[in-house]
Protein backbone atom coordinates (compact mmCIF):
# COMPACT_ATOMS: atom_id res chain seq x y z
CA MET A 1 9.77 -12.74 -31.54
CA GLY A 2 6.98 -10.31 -30.82
CA THR A 3 4.00 -9.79 -33.02
CA ALA A 4 3.21 -6.49 -34.69
CA GLU A 5 0.66 -5.89 -31.97
CA ASN A 6 3.33 -6.19 -29.25
CA THR A 7 5.73 -3.80 -30.98
CA ARG A 8 3.26 -1.01 -31.78
CA PRO A 9 3.85 2.34 -30.14
CA PRO A 10 1.65 3.00 -27.11
CA GLU A 11 -1.61 4.75 -27.88
CA ALA A 12 -2.55 7.98 -26.10
CA HIS A 13 -4.69 6.21 -23.47
CA ASP A 14 -1.88 3.71 -22.85
CA GLN A 15 0.55 6.59 -22.38
CA ALA A 16 -1.76 8.27 -19.87
CA GLN A 17 -1.96 5.06 -17.83
CA ILE A 18 1.80 4.66 -17.94
CA LYS A 19 2.30 8.27 -16.84
CA SER A 20 -0.14 7.72 -13.96
CA PHE A 21 1.76 4.59 -12.96
CA ILE A 22 5.08 6.46 -13.00
CA GLU A 23 3.62 9.33 -10.94
CA THR A 24 2.35 6.79 -8.41
CA MET A 25 5.76 5.12 -8.17
CA GLU A 26 7.41 8.52 -7.68
CA LEU A 27 5.01 9.31 -4.82
CA LEU A 28 5.89 6.01 -3.17
CA ARG A 29 9.58 6.79 -3.59
CA SER A 30 8.99 10.16 -1.93
CA LEU A 31 8.16 8.22 1.25
CA ASP A 32 11.21 6.01 0.92
CA SER A 33 13.50 5.58 -2.07
CA GLU A 34 13.15 1.81 -1.63
CA PHE A 35 9.46 1.61 -0.60
CA PRO A 36 8.57 -2.09 -0.96
CA ILE A 37 5.74 -3.08 -3.26
CA GLN A 38 4.29 -5.33 -0.52
CA HIS A 39 3.91 -2.23 1.66
CA ALA A 40 2.09 -0.39 -1.14
CA ILE A 41 -0.26 -3.31 -1.77
CA SER A 42 -0.98 -3.67 1.95
CA LEU A 43 -1.67 0.05 2.26
CA GLY A 44 -4.12 -0.11 -0.63
CA ILE A 45 -5.93 -3.13 0.81
CA ILE A 46 -6.21 -1.49 4.24
CA SER A 47 -7.68 1.62 2.60
CA LEU A 48 -10.32 -0.51 0.87
CA HIS A 49 -11.14 -2.51 4.01
CA PRO A 50 -10.94 -0.27 7.12
CA GLY A 51 -10.89 -2.31 10.32
CA LEU A 52 -9.22 -5.26 8.62
CA SER A 53 -7.31 -7.61 10.96
CA LEU A 54 -3.72 -8.74 10.49
CA THR A 55 -4.95 -12.24 9.66
CA GLN A 56 -7.37 -10.90 7.05
CA LEU A 57 -4.62 -8.75 5.54
CA ALA A 58 -2.35 -11.79 5.36
CA GLY A 59 -5.10 -13.67 3.51
CA LYS A 60 -5.75 -10.87 1.04
CA THR A 61 -2.03 -10.35 0.29
CA ASN A 62 -1.05 -14.05 0.30
CA LEU A 63 1.76 -13.18 2.70
CA THR A 64 2.62 -14.91 5.96
CA LEU A 65 1.33 -13.44 9.20
CA SER A 66 4.90 -12.68 10.32
CA THR A 67 5.59 -10.78 7.10
CA VAL A 68 2.33 -8.85 7.45
CA SER A 69 3.21 -8.01 11.06
CA ARG A 70 6.51 -6.45 9.92
CA ILE A 71 4.75 -4.53 7.13
CA VAL A 72 2.09 -3.25 9.54
CA GLY A 73 4.82 -2.21 11.96
CA ALA A 74 6.56 -0.20 9.25
CA LEU A 75 3.34 1.36 7.94
CA SER A 76 2.25 2.30 11.47
CA GLU A 77 4.53 3.57 14.20
CA HIS A 78 6.25 0.38 15.32
CA ARG A 79 8.97 -0.18 12.73
CA ALA A 80 11.88 -2.18 14.15
CA ASN A 81 14.58 -0.80 11.83
CA GLY A 82 14.35 2.64 10.27
CA ARG A 83 11.70 5.29 10.59
CA PRO A 84 8.03 4.25 10.59
CA TYR A 85 5.74 5.72 7.95
CA HIS A 86 2.75 6.57 10.21
CA LEU A 87 0.30 5.78 7.39
CA ILE A 88 -1.89 3.34 9.32
CA LYS A 89 -3.18 3.01 12.86
CA VAL A 90 -3.37 -0.29 14.75
CA THR A 91 -6.07 -0.47 17.40
CA THR A 92 -7.42 -3.25 19.58
CA SER A 93 -10.89 -4.42 18.59
CA LYS A 94 -13.65 -3.37 20.97
CA THR A 95 -15.32 -6.77 20.59
CA GLU A 96 -12.25 -9.08 20.52
CA ARG A 97 -9.34 -8.00 22.72
CA ARG A 98 -6.81 -10.16 20.83
CA LYS A 99 -7.79 -8.78 17.42
CA LYS A 100 -5.95 -5.77 15.98
CA GLU A 101 -7.82 -3.55 13.54
CA LEU A 102 -6.04 -1.60 10.82
CA THR A 103 -7.17 1.80 9.55
CA LEU A 104 -5.54 4.71 7.76
CA THR A 105 -4.19 7.67 9.69
CA GLN A 106 -4.88 11.16 8.36
CA LYS A 107 -1.38 11.08 6.83
CA GLY A 108 -2.30 7.79 5.12
CA LYS A 109 -5.57 9.23 3.79
CA ASP A 110 -3.78 12.33 2.52
CA PHE A 111 -1.10 10.22 0.86
CA LEU A 112 -3.62 8.00 -0.91
CA ALA A 113 -5.51 11.11 -2.06
CA GLN A 114 -2.28 12.23 -3.77
CA ILE A 115 -2.06 8.84 -5.48
CA GLU A 116 -5.71 9.08 -6.59
CA ASN A 117 -4.89 12.43 -8.19
CA CYS A 118 -2.42 10.64 -10.46
CA PHE A 119 -5.33 8.93 -12.24
């Protein structure tokens, strides 16, 4: 059984946050009706840490490197199945040839700006 506090109607500020959340989810669905949450989280982390490596992204998301590689492929232009999103760019590090650096494309920046406008 819930307490009275758990069953109260949402206050105005709670409703605004919920509306912002719904708007954000709708924007993600506009990219793909089944846009995975792991993709959204990865996109957000890459936006906060431009130049992040695949290994660093795996650490920050607590996902395996193989899972992160598939996510990065989908978010960039290398998706194996289906159309890629072209939201991030994968480049080779200038200092470490084996390291891939992740940054947002202009499309990715524009998309995240739309999400920011939800809040």
